[in-house]
Amino acid sequence: MKLRKIIFLLLFFTFVNEIKTQEIFNNRYILDQTAVLFLDVLNINDTIVTVGLGATFYSPFPGKMMVTKFDRSGNKLTDEVILQDSFINYSNRPNNVSISGRKMTVVGGGGGGLANRFGWYASYDLDTGLEWFRVLDPIENNQQVFFNSIILPNDHLVLLRLDVPAAQNIVITTVSEVDAQGETLWESSFGSGGVNHRPGRIIVLSDSTYLIGLEKYSNTGSVNIRTLLIEVDNEGNVLSSWEDPSVGTYAPRQMISTEDDGLIYASRYLTAAASSTNPFPDFQGYIVRQDADNNILWTLKTGDSTFRTDLFNMIKTMDGHYIAIGSNFDDTLDNGFGIRTGYLVKFDEEGTIIWEKQYYGAFGGQHKNEFYDIVEMADSSLVLCGESTKFSEDFPQRGWLVGLDKNGNLDSMTVDVRMVETRSEVSLTAYPNPVDDFLTLELTNENIERVELYAVTGQLVRSEIVRGTRVELSVVDLPVGVYSVLVNGRYGKRVVVY
């Protein structure tokens, strides 16, 4: 028996050392005194590339497009601030990058702070840098911003743009095609007569058709927003349209075609409108599965009902499932600020949730953490990018880069359970480790109320209700192996039973 324990421990520590060589990172970056946020993430031959926004710390705080490269462990290789020839803001949007080979197209708006008074689009080569960019002529008191782009096989671009003409007081969506040098070939617009059409996403359906995801709502002031899907041909002519019968549905943040010519899209669902007592609207993540005729097969509302869950993107993973990402906005206020957490949920083709995770920052309240984009690596691990901001002078806007295992965990040895990083200064201690009789658990600044033990397979093997900052748990009846201890559904540790 003793020899078996020794062999097991040797194998375990060898395994741990192998895991350590594949470090999973969780970093927040300020690059060369530039406050940044990462809006898109790409995997280029195992090099992680982010496209985001950089802003200097000094007035007038101009925003610039930024491209940053990292190795597989999250170590920065290079970073480049683009369009640095002017102090005018050039702000790109989340999930706007399209890529073909080594060439990217990045779109956005700028010139007027949050107003985004002019739209712009740029061609960037991953080897040689910025090729060219085009800026729309600004129109006084008008807003213009490009939301999405598609690179066609002939290097033409299809662009999706928001226009807000001040004289009309309406939101218009415009789709256009430009040639390889950025010159416009045609464009078509949607929105008139007091009915707003706000863009979300555009994808390719075939060699000659595109699908635009919008939200449609009138200027009456009532809560009448609905998802609208418009299919257009390669000259902008409308072929078909579909409107969600449910009121309170928003524009798709991402759309993925299915093998049966149907569609899965990620959006959000309005659960309560803003009011004098609650100035923020309440909503949940909203995922919809349609067949080829736009019939809804199922819908999935994600996130805790006590949070405002926003989904920013979605991918299909190599195992045939899907992961949607975004943030939860906690109603709990800290000095007047809501707290946002990074959020991701994995689900299957039938709309069944496989796992659901959220991650807090480690630096306290008054902050937000949001995931904007996600990429799956060759080994099925995940890299997410976003923003991590604390509303104080000593913690400016930071780009957030997070590496997770295929189960959405920061630690590749943590089993597939709901794991939440704490936002308070709480720490869990488990000893002795390895253990063969009684495991002692200590939690600082919080009482232990529930303890769960999970096997490496993800099976719950024990759950106990306890009370105190220090408890003992008998493990004498457990088989030899590695277990995950989860305290209060939030704080986790690995332990070895021998």
Protein backbone atom coordinates (compact mmCIF):
# COMPACT_ATOMS: atom_id res chain seq x y z
CA MET A 1 0.00 0.00 0.00
CA LYS A 2 2.81 2.39 0.92
CA LEU A 3 4.61 1.65 -2.36
CA ARG A 4 1.42 2.36 -4.30
CA LYS A 5 1.11 5.76 -2.60
CA ILE A 6 4.72 6.63 -3.39
CA ILE A 7 4.27 5.69 -7.07
CA PHE A 8 1.07 7.72 -7.24
CA LEU A 9 2.71 10.80 -5.73
CA LEU A 10 5.66 10.55 -8.12
CA LEU A 11 3.30 10.33 -11.09
CA PHE A 12 1.22 13.22 -9.75
CA PHE A 13 4.11 15.63 -9.29
CA THR A 14 5.49 14.69 -12.72
CA PHE A 15 2.06 15.55 -14.13
CA VAL A 16 1.98 18.87 -12.26
CA ASN A 17 5.41 19.81 -13.62
CA GLU A 18 4.22 19.08 -17.16
CA ILE A 19 1.19 21.29 -16.57
CA LYS A 20 3.41 24.12 -15.34
CA THR A 21 5.30 24.12 -18.62
CA GLN A 22 2.00 25.00 -20.28
CA GLU A 23 1.23 28.02 -18.10
CA ILE A 24 -2.25 29.42 -18.43
CA PHE A 25 -2.14 33.18 -18.06
CA ASN A 26 -4.44 35.89 -16.77
CA ASN A 27 -2.80 39.26 -17.44
CA ARG A 28 -3.80 42.91 -17.54
CA TYR A 29 -1.63 45.16 -19.68
CA ILE A 30 -0.65 48.79 -19.93
CA LEU A 31 1.68 49.13 -22.91
CA ASP A 32 4.31 51.89 -22.97
CA GLN A 33 2.24 54.27 -20.86
CA THR A 34 -0.74 53.65 -23.10
CA ALA A 35 -4.07 52.71 -21.55
CA VAL A 36 -5.47 49.96 -23.76
CA LEU A 37 -8.37 47.64 -24.26
CA PHE A 38 -8.31 44.54 -26.44
CA LEU A 39 -11.35 44.27 -28.72
CA ASP A 40 -10.42 41.35 -31.00
CA VAL A 41 -8.16 38.35 -30.59
CA LEU A 42 -6.75 36.10 -33.33
CA ASN A 43 -4.66 32.91 -33.38
CA ILE A 44 -2.03 33.16 -36.13
CA ASN A 45 0.12 30.01 -36.11
CA ASP A 46 0.00 29.88 -32.30
CA THR A 47 0.85 33.58 -32.00
CA ILE A 48 -1.87 35.54 -30.24
CA VAL A 49 -2.74 38.81 -31.99
CA THR A 50 -5.01 41.41 -30.42
CA VAL A 51 -6.51 44.43 -32.15
CA GLY A 52 -7.70 47.12 -29.81
CA LEU A 53 -7.71 50.70 -28.71
CA GLY A 54 -4.80 52.61 -27.16
CA ALA A 55 -5.16 55.99 -25.45
CA THR A 56 -2.43 58.19 -23.94
CA PHE A 57 -2.62 59.30 -20.33
CA TYR A 58 -2.49 62.99 -21.19
CA SER A 59 -5.05 65.44 -22.62
CA PRO A 60 -6.74 65.28 -25.10
CA PHE A 61 -6.49 61.48 -24.56
CA PRO A 62 -6.59 60.50 -28.24
CA GLY A 63 -7.71 56.96 -29.02
CA LYS A 64 -5.76 54.96 -31.61
CA MET A 65 -6.02 51.56 -33.21
CA MET A 66 -3.45 49.19 -31.65
CA VAL A 67 -2.13 45.79 -32.80
CA THR A 68 -0.29 43.67 -30.22
CA LYS A 69 1.30 40.22 -30.55
CA PHE A 70 1.82 37.74 -27.70
CA ASP A 71 3.37 34.30 -27.41
CA ARG A 72 1.38 31.30 -26.21
CA SER A 73 2.07 32.15 -22.55
CA GLY A 74 0.78 35.71 -22.82
CA ASN A 75 4.18 37.39 -23.01
CA LYS A 76 4.12 40.49 -25.22
CA LEU A 77 6.18 40.24 -28.40
CA THR A 78 5.37 43.52 -30.18
CA ASP A 79 2.85 46.32 -30.10
CA GLU A 80 2.09 49.04 -32.61
CA VAL A 81 -0.14 52.10 -32.32
CA ILE A 82 -1.67 52.87 -35.70
CA LEU A 83 -2.78 56.24 -37.13
CA GLN A 84 -0.50 58.08 -34.70
CA ASP A 85 -0.05 60.99 -37.12
CA SER A 86 -3.04 62.84 -35.68
CA PHE A 87 -4.52 63.59 -32.28
CA ILE A 88 -8.03 62.91 -33.61
CA ASN A 89 -9.64 59.82 -32.06
CA TYR A 90 -9.66 56.68 -34.21
CA SER A 91 -11.64 54.20 -32.12
CA ASN A 92 -12.41 50.71 -33.38
CA ARG A 93 -15.28 48.60 -32.06
CA PRO A 94 -15.46 45.15 -30.46
CA ASN A 95 -15.47 42.20 -32.86
CA ASN A 96 -14.98 44.26 -35.99
CA VAL A 97 -11.83 42.65 -37.42
CA SER A 98 -12.08 40.44 -40.50
CA ILE A 99 -9.07 38.48 -41.72
CA SER A 100 -8.02 36.75 -44.93
CA GLY A 101 -4.61 35.10 -44.92
CA ARG A 102 -2.24 37.65 -43.37
CA LYS A 103 -4.43 40.65 -44.15
CA MET A 104 -6.88 42.24 -41.71
CA THR A 105 -9.56 44.86 -42.11
CA VAL A 106 -10.31 47.01 -39.06
CA VAL A 107 -13.26 49.40 -38.87
CA GLY A 108 -14.55 52.02 -36.44
CA GLY A 109 -15.34 55.67 -35.94
CA GLY A 110 -13.78 58.75 -34.43
CA GLY A 111 -13.33 62.47 -34.32
CA GLY A 112 -15.99 63.33 -31.80
CA GLY A 113 -15.31 61.31 -28.70
CA LEU A 114 -18.34 59.16 -27.95
CA ALA A 115 -20.22 60.77 -30.85
CA ASN A 116 -17.99 59.00 -33.44
CA ARG A 117 -18.50 61.79 -35.96
CA PHE A 118 -16.78 60.06 -38.86
CA GLY A 119 -16.35 56.45 -39.92
CA TRP A 120 -13.05 54.88 -40.96
CA TYR A 121 -11.71 51.55 -42.22
CA ALA A 122 -8.15 50.30 -42.54
CA SER A 123 -6.24 47.49 -44.23
CA TYR A 124 -3.46 45.99 -42.11
CA ASP A 125 -0.91 43.32 -43.09
CA LEU A 126 0.40 41.21 -40.22
CA ASP A 127 3.88 41.20 -41.73
CA THR A 128 4.26 44.74 -43.07
CA GLY A 129 1.80 46.76 -40.97
CA LEU A 130 -0.74 49.36 -42.08
CA GLU A 131 -1.38 49.31 -45.85
CA TRP A 132 -3.97 52.07 -46.12
CA PHE A 133 -6.95 53.59 -44.36
CA ARG A 134 -9.96 55.57 -45.51
CA VAL A 135 -11.84 58.20 -43.52
CA LEU A 136 -15.34 59.37 -44.43
CA ASP A 137 -15.75 63.11 -44.73
CA PRO A 138 -17.22 64.29 -41.41
CA ILE A 139 -20.64 65.93 -41.52
CA GLU A 140 -21.34 68.45 -38.78
CA ASN A 141 -23.54 67.07 -35.96
CA ASN A 142 -23.78 63.69 -37.71
CA GLN A 143 -22.54 60.40 -36.33
CA GLN A 144 -20.90 57.72 -38.48
CA VAL A 145 -19.21 54.53 -37.37
CA PHE A 146 -18.43 51.25 -39.11
CA PHE A 147 -19.58 48.21 -37.13
CA ASN A 148 -18.38 45.24 -39.19
CA SER A 149 -16.58 44.16 -42.35
CA ILE A 150 -16.13 41.14 -44.60
CA ILE A 151 -13.11 40.45 -46.84
CA LEU A 152 -14.18 38.87 -50.15
CA PRO A 153 -12.01 36.48 -52.23
CA ASN A 154 -11.23 39.33 -54.69
CA ASP A 155 -9.99 41.50 -51.76
CA HIS A 156 -13.08 43.69 -51.95
CA LEU A 157 -14.70 44.63 -48.64
CA VAL A 158 -18.33 44.59 -47.56
CA LEU A 159 -18.83 47.15 -44.79
CA LEU A 160 -21.64 47.67 -42.27
CA ARG A 161 -22.07 51.24 -41.04
CA LEU A 162 -24.24 53.22 -38.63
CA ASP A 163 -25.36 56.71 -39.64
CA VAL A 164 -27.22 59.20 -37.43
CA PRO A 165 -28.12 62.28 -39.51
CA ALA A 166 -28.87 65.06 -37.06
CA ALA A 167 -31.59 66.59 -39.25
CA GLN A 168 -33.55 63.31 -39.40
CA ASN A 169 -33.16 62.18 -35.76
CA ILE A 170 -33.01 58.55 -36.82
CA VAL A 171 -30.53 55.66 -36.79
CA ILE A 172 -29.73 54.27 -40.25
CA THR A 173 -27.84 51.12 -41.22
CA THR A 174 -25.81 51.24 -44.44
CA VAL A 175 -24.16 48.29 -46.17
CA SER A 176 -21.60 48.95 -48.90
CA GLU A 177 -18.93 47.27 -51.02
CA VAL A 178 -15.52 48.84 -51.61
CA ASP A 179 -12.71 47.66 -53.89
CA ALA A 180 -9.20 46.56 -52.86
CA GLN A 181 -8.09 50.21 -52.62
CA GLY A 182 -11.07 51.22 -50.47
CA GLU A 183 -13.15 52.98 -53.14
CA THR A 184 -16.94 52.57 -52.78
CA LEU A 185 -18.69 50.52 -55.51
CA TRP A 186 -22.25 50.55 -54.14
CA GLU A 187 -24.19 51.09 -50.92
CA SER A 188 -27.70 50.49 -49.62
CA SER A 189 -29.37 51.92 -46.50
CA PHE A 190 -32.17 50.88 -44.11
CA GLY A 191 -34.15 53.13 -41.77
CA SER A 192 -36.67 55.88 -42.43
CA GLY A 193 -40.01 57.34 -41.35
CA GLY A 194 -39.21 57.41 -37.63
CA VAL A 195 -38.14 53.75 -37.56
CA ASN A 196 -34.53 53.19 -36.43
CA HIS A 197 -32.36 50.41 -37.84
CA ARG A 198 -29.26 49.91 -35.68
CA PRO A 199 -26.61 47.52 -37.09
CA GLY A 200 -25.17 44.52 -35.30
CA ARG A 201 -23.41 41.96 -37.48
CA ILE A 202 -22.98 40.93 -41.13
CA ILE A 203 -21.93 37.50 -42.43
CA VAL A 204 -21.55 35.79 -45.81
CA LEU A 205 -24.31 33.35 -46.77
CA SER A 206 -23.09 32.47 -50.28
CA ASP A 207 -20.91 33.80 -53.09
CA SER A 208 -23.49 36.49 -53.78
CA THR A 209 -25.59 36.97 -50.63
CA TYR A 210 -25.03 38.44 -47.17
CA LEU A 211 -27.04 38.43 -43.96
CA ILE A 212 -27.31 41.61 -41.87
CA GLY A 213 -28.38 41.45 -38.23
CA LEU A 214 -30.06 44.64 -36.92
CA GLU A 215 -32.36 45.92 -34.25
CA LYS A 216 -35.47 47.80 -35.30
CA TYR A 217 -37.37 50.27 -33.11
CA SER A 218 -39.50 53.39 -33.50
CA ASN A 219 -39.03 56.84 -31.96
CA THR A 220 -42.25 56.64 -29.96
CA GLY A 221 -40.39 56.11 -26.70
CA SER A 222 -42.07 52.78 -25.99
CA VAL A 223 -40.08 49.58 -25.49
CA ASN A 224 -40.56 48.12 -28.96
CA ILE A 225 -37.11 46.97 -29.98
CA ARG A 226 -36.88 43.77 -32.08
CA THR A 227 -34.22 41.74 -33.85
CA LEU A 228 -34.34 42.16 -37.63
CA LEU A 229 -32.48 39.96 -40.15
CA ILE A 230 -32.11 41.19 -43.74
CA GLU A 231 -30.68 39.09 -46.58
CA VAL A 232 -29.18 41.15 -49.43
CA ASP A 233 -27.46 40.26 -52.69
CA ASN A 234 -24.04 41.50 -53.83
CA GLU A 235 -25.53 44.79 -55.02
CA GLY A 236 -27.43 45.58 -51.82
CA ASN A 237 -30.88 44.50 -53.05
CA VAL A 238 -33.11 43.02 -50.32
CA LEU A 239 -33.93 39.34 -50.94
CA SER A 240 -35.77 38.57 -47.71
CA SER A 241 -36.22 39.80 -44.15
CA TRP A 242 -37.30 38.36 -40.81
CA GLU A 243 -38.37 40.06 -37.59
CA ASP A 244 -38.30 38.43 -34.17
CA PRO A 245 -41.89 38.18 -32.89
CA SER A 246 -40.64 38.85 -29.35
CA VAL A 247 -40.40 42.49 -28.26
CA GLY A 248 -37.22 43.42 -26.40
CA THR A 249 -34.75 41.56 -28.62
CA TYR A 250 -31.59 43.31 -29.78
CA ALA A 251 -29.23 43.19 -32.78
CA PRO A 252 -27.11 40.02 -33.05
CA ARG A 253 -23.55 40.44 -31.79
CA GLN A 254 -22.53 37.31 -33.70
CA MET A 255 -24.22 35.00 -36.22
CA ILE A 256 -23.04 31.51 -37.22
CA SER A 257 -24.55 29.50 -40.08
CA THR A 258 -25.36 25.86 -39.30
CA GLU A 259 -24.87 22.80 -41.51
CA ASP A 260 -28.63 22.58 -42.23
CA ASP A 261 -28.59 26.18 -43.62
CA GLY A 262 -30.04 27.48 -40.39
CA LEU A 263 -28.57 30.07 -38.03
CA ILE A 264 -27.45 30.50 -34.44
CA TYR A 265 -27.04 34.05 -33.20
CA ALA A 266 -26.12 35.65 -29.86
CA SER A 267 -27.83 38.82 -28.70
CA ARG A 268 -29.54 40.08 -25.56
CA TYR A 269 -33.13 40.16 -24.29
CA LEU A 270 -34.66 43.12 -22.48
CA THR A 271 -36.22 42.02 -19.18
CA ALA A 272 -36.94 45.45 -17.66
CA ALA A 273 -36.70 48.91 -19.18
CA ALA A 274 -34.86 51.78 -17.51
CA SER A 275 -36.89 53.74 -14.97
CA SER A 276 -36.49 56.53 -12.46
CA THR A 277 -35.65 54.00 -9.75
CA ASN A 278 -33.37 51.92 -11.99
CA PRO A 279 -31.61 54.07 -14.59
CA PHE A 280 -30.18 50.99 -16.35
CA PRO A 281 -32.22 48.54 -18.43
CA ASP A 282 -32.11 44.92 -17.29
CA PHE A 283 -31.38 42.20 -19.82
CA GLN A 284 -30.10 38.66 -20.21
CA GLY A 285 -27.96 37.01 -22.84
CA TYR A 286 -30.19 35.77 -25.67
CA ILE A 287 -29.19 32.94 -28.02
CA VAL A 288 -31.49 31.87 -30.86
CA ARG A 289 -31.43 28.80 -33.13
CA GLN A 290 -33.32 29.01 -36.43
CA ASP A 291 -33.89 26.58 -39.28
CA ALA A 292 -33.41 27.42 -42.97
CA ASP A 293 -36.83 29.11 -43.10
CA ASN A 294 -36.19 31.36 -40.08
CA ASN A 295 -38.43 29.26 -37.83
CA ILE A 296 -37.18 29.50 -34.24
CA LEU A 297 -36.20 26.03 -33.00
CA TRP A 298 -35.16 27.17 -29.52
CA THR A 299 -34.04 30.19 -27.54
CA LEU A 300 -31.65 30.31 -24.60
CA LYS A 301 -31.57 33.10 -22.04
CA THR A 302 -28.25 33.11 -20.19
CA GLY A 303 -26.87 34.72 -17.07
CA ASP A 304 -28.18 35.14 -13.54
CA SER A 305 -31.48 36.98 -13.32
CA THR A 306 -29.92 39.32 -10.73
CA PHE A 307 -27.25 40.44 -13.23
CA ARG A 308 -27.48 42.29 -16.54
CA THR A 309 -25.82 39.84 -18.90
CA ASP A 310 -24.45 41.19 -22.18
CA LEU A 311 -23.05 38.92 -24.91
CA PHE A 312 -20.41 40.39 -27.22
CA ASN A 313 -19.35 37.40 -29.32
CA MET A 314 -19.75 33.68 -29.96
CA ILE A 315 -17.63 30.94 -31.58
CA LYS A 316 -18.17 27.36 -32.66
CA THR A 317 -15.62 25.06 -31.03
CA MET A 318 -13.86 22.09 -32.58
CA ASP A 319 -16.07 19.65 -30.64
CA GLY A 320 -19.16 21.03 -32.40
CA HIS A 321 -20.41 23.09 -29.46
CA TYR A 322 -20.57 26.88 -28.99
CA ILE A 323 -19.20 29.42 -26.53
CA ALA A 324 -20.71 32.88 -26.04
CA ILE A 325 -18.85 35.55 -24.07
CA GLY A 326 -19.53 38.96 -22.58
CA SER A 327 -20.09 40.36 -19.11
CA ASN A 328 -22.42 40.35 -16.12
CA PHE A 329 -23.30 43.72 -14.61
CA ASP A 330 -23.97 43.31 -10.89
CA ASP A 331 -26.69 45.58 -9.46
CA THR A 332 -24.64 45.82 -6.25
CA LEU A 333 -23.05 49.26 -6.17
CA ASP A 334 -19.64 50.05 -4.70
CA ASN A 335 -19.34 53.80 -4.10
CA GLY A 336 -21.90 54.36 -6.83
CA PHE A 337 -20.32 52.02 -9.38
CA GLY A 338 -21.76 48.77 -10.62
CA ILE A 339 -19.40 45.81 -10.83
CA ARG A 340 -19.00 43.92 -14.09
CA THR A 341 -17.56 40.45 -14.41
CA GLY A 342 -16.20 38.58 -17.42
CA TYR A 343 -18.75 35.96 -18.49
CA LEU A 344 -18.76 32.93 -20.78
CA VAL A 345 -21.17 30.07 -21.39
CA LYS A 346 -20.75 26.88 -23.43
CA PHE A 347 -23.80 25.19 -24.94
CA ASP A 348 -24.59 22.51 -27.51
CA GLU A 349 -26.55 22.43 -30.77
CA GLU A 350 -29.79 21.81 -28.86
CA GLY A 351 -29.40 24.84 -26.59
CA THR A 352 -28.35 22.88 -23.49
CA ILE A 353 -25.80 24.65 -21.29
CA ILE A 354 -22.65 22.58 -20.76
CA TRP A 355 -20.93 25.00 -18.39
CA GLU A 356 -21.13 28.64 -17.40
CA LYS A 357 -18.33 30.77 -15.88
CA GLN A 358 -17.67 34.27 -14.67
CA TYR A 359 -14.45 35.94 -13.57
CA TYR A 360 -13.98 38.83 -11.20
CA GLY A 361 -10.95 41.07 -11.00
CA ALA A 362 -8.57 40.58 -8.12
CA PHE A 363 -8.19 44.23 -7.19
CA GLY A 364 -11.46 45.06 -5.45
CA GLY A 365 -14.66 46.89 -6.34
CA GLN A 366 -15.43 49.93 -8.48
CA HIS A 367 -14.38 48.13 -11.61
CA LYS A 368 -15.53 46.31 -14.69
CA ASN A 369 -14.20 43.23 -16.43
CA GLU A 370 -15.62 42.42 -19.85
CA PHE A 371 -14.77 39.76 -22.44
CA TYR A 372 -15.08 41.07 -26.00
CA ASP A 373 -13.60 38.27 -28.12
CA ILE A 374 -12.50 34.64 -27.87
CA VAL A 375 -10.37 32.27 -29.95
CA GLU A 376 -9.85 28.52 -29.68
CA MET A 377 -6.25 27.32 -29.88
CA ALA A 378 -5.03 24.13 -31.57
CA ASP A 379 -5.11 22.20 -28.26
CA SER A 380 -8.75 23.27 -27.61
CA SER A 381 -7.70 25.74 -24.92
CA LEU A 382 -9.22 29.22 -25.06
CA VAL A 383 -7.83 32.75 -25.13
CA LEU A 384 -10.14 35.67 -24.37
CA CYS A 385 -9.53 39.38 -24.60
CA GLY A 386 -11.30 42.38 -23.21
CA GLU A 387 -11.07 45.27 -20.80
CA SER A 388 -10.25 45.47 -17.11
CA THR A 389 -10.85 48.87 -15.55
CA LYS A 390 -11.00 50.18 -12.00
CA PHE A 391 -12.45 53.66 -11.65
CA SER A 392 -9.51 55.23 -9.87
CA GLU A 393 -6.43 57.18 -10.88
CA ASP A 394 -4.05 54.36 -9.97
CA PHE A 395 -5.79 51.79 -12.17
CA PRO A 396 -6.50 53.14 -15.66
CA GLN A 397 -8.02 51.23 -18.52
CA ARG A 398 -6.14 47.99 -19.12
CA GLY A 399 -6.24 45.37 -21.82
CA TRP A 400 -7.33 42.02 -20.35
CA LEU A 401 -5.93 38.81 -21.81
CA VAL A 402 -7.04 35.53 -20.25
CA GLY A 403 -5.99 31.96 -21.05
CA LEU A 404 -8.41 29.19 -20.08
CA ASP A 405 -8.44 25.45 -20.53
CA LYS A 406 -11.08 23.81 -22.73
CA ASN A 407 -13.49 23.71 -19.77
CA GLY A 408 -13.29 27.46 -19.23
CA ASN A 409 -11.08 27.23 -16.13
CA LEU A 410 -7.97 29.26 -15.32
CA ASP A 411 -6.36 26.12 -13.91
CA SER A 412 -6.21 23.20 -16.32
CA MET A 413 -6.47 20.77 -13.37
CA THR A 414 -9.70 22.29 -12.07
CA VAL A 415 -12.65 20.11 -12.90
CA ASP A 416 -15.62 21.34 -14.87
CA VAL A 417 -17.65 23.18 -12.21
CA ARG A 418 -18.79 26.75 -11.80
CA MET A 419 -15.64 28.59 -10.77
CA VAL A 420 -15.70 32.28 -9.89
CA GLU A 421 -12.68 34.37 -9.04
CA THR A 422 -13.44 36.48 -5.98
CA ARG A 423 -13.63 40.24 -6.14
CA SER A 424 -12.72 40.57 -2.43
CA GLU A 425 -9.55 39.85 -0.48
CA VAL A 426 -10.60 36.32 0.44
CA SER A 427 -8.14 33.42 0.38
CA LEU A 428 -8.66 29.69 0.83
CA THR A 429 -6.06 27.44 2.44
CA ALA A 430 -6.22 23.62 2.31
CA TYR A 431 -3.80 21.44 4.32
CA PRO A 432 -2.19 19.01 4.57
CA ASN A 433 -1.85 18.47 0.86
CA PRO A 434 -1.39 15.59 -0.01
CA VAL A 435 -3.82 14.29 2.64
CA ASP A 436 -4.80 10.79 3.79
CA ASP A 437 -7.19 11.34 6.72
CA PHE A 438 -8.55 14.83 7.53
CA LEU A 439 -8.36 17.90 5.30
CA THR A 440 -8.38 21.28 7.02
CA LEU A 441 -9.92 24.23 5.18
CA GLU A 442 -9.45 27.85 6.25
CA LEU A 443 -11.08 30.88 4.64
CA THR A 444 -10.08 34.46 5.44
CA ASN A 445 -12.65 37.28 5.70
CA GLU A 446 -15.62 34.99 5.08
CA ASN A 447 -17.35 32.06 6.77
CA ILE A 448 -17.27 28.62 5.18
CA GLU A 449 -20.86 27.57 4.61
CA ARG A 450 -20.72 24.85 1.93
CA VAL A 451 -17.96 22.48 0.85
CA GLU A 452 -18.06 20.39 -2.32
CA LEU A 453 -15.55 17.80 -3.56
CA TYR A 454 -15.30 16.97 -7.26
CA ALA A 455 -13.39 14.14 -8.92
CA VAL A 456 -11.24 14.83 -11.99
CA THR A 457 -14.12 13.52 -14.12
CA GLY A 458 -16.27 16.41 -12.89
CA GLN A 459 -18.46 14.15 -10.72
CA LEU A 460 -19.62 15.60 -7.41
CA VAL A 461 -18.48 13.10 -4.76
CA ARG A 462 -19.38 15.01 -1.59
CA SER A 463 -21.33 18.08 -0.50
CA GLU A 464 -21.54 19.28 3.11
CA ILE A 465 -23.16 22.25 4.85
CA VAL A 466 -20.79 23.61 7.50
CA ARG A 467 -20.18 26.81 9.46
CA GLY A 468 -16.99 28.57 10.43
CA THR A 469 -13.79 30.04 9.06
CA ARG A 470 -11.96 26.76 9.73
CA VAL A 471 -13.41 23.28 9.15
CA GLU A 472 -12.13 19.71 8.92
CA LEU A 473 -13.26 17.26 6.26
CA SER A 474 -12.67 13.51 6.45
CA VAL A 475 -11.26 11.97 3.26
CA VAL A 476 -10.41 8.49 4.60
CA ASP A 477 -13.15 6.87 2.51
CA LEU A 478 -12.11 8.51 -0.78
CA PRO A 479 -10.12 6.60 -3.41
CA VAL A 480 -6.58 7.76 -4.12
CA GLY A 481 -6.63 10.60 -6.65
CA VAL A 482 -6.78 14.32 -7.40
CA TYR A 483 -9.86 16.26 -6.27
CA SER A 484 -11.11 19.83 -6.53
CA VAL A 485 -12.48 21.43 -3.38
CA LEU A 486 -15.07 24.15 -3.93
CA VAL A 487 -16.00 26.34 -0.96
CA ASN A 488 -19.19 28.44 -0.99
CA GLY A 489 -19.52 27.76 -4.71
CA ARG A 490 -16.70 30.21 -5.38
CA TYR A 491 -13.28 29.44 -3.91
CA GLY A 492 -11.38 26.44 -5.25
CA LYS A 493 -8.30 24.36 -4.42
CA ARG A 494 -6.73 21.16 -5.78
CA VAL A 495 -5.95 18.44 -3.26
CA VAL A 496 -4.31 15.03 -3.53
CA VAL A 497 -5.76 12.12 -1.54
CA TYR A 498 -3.36 9.21 -1.04
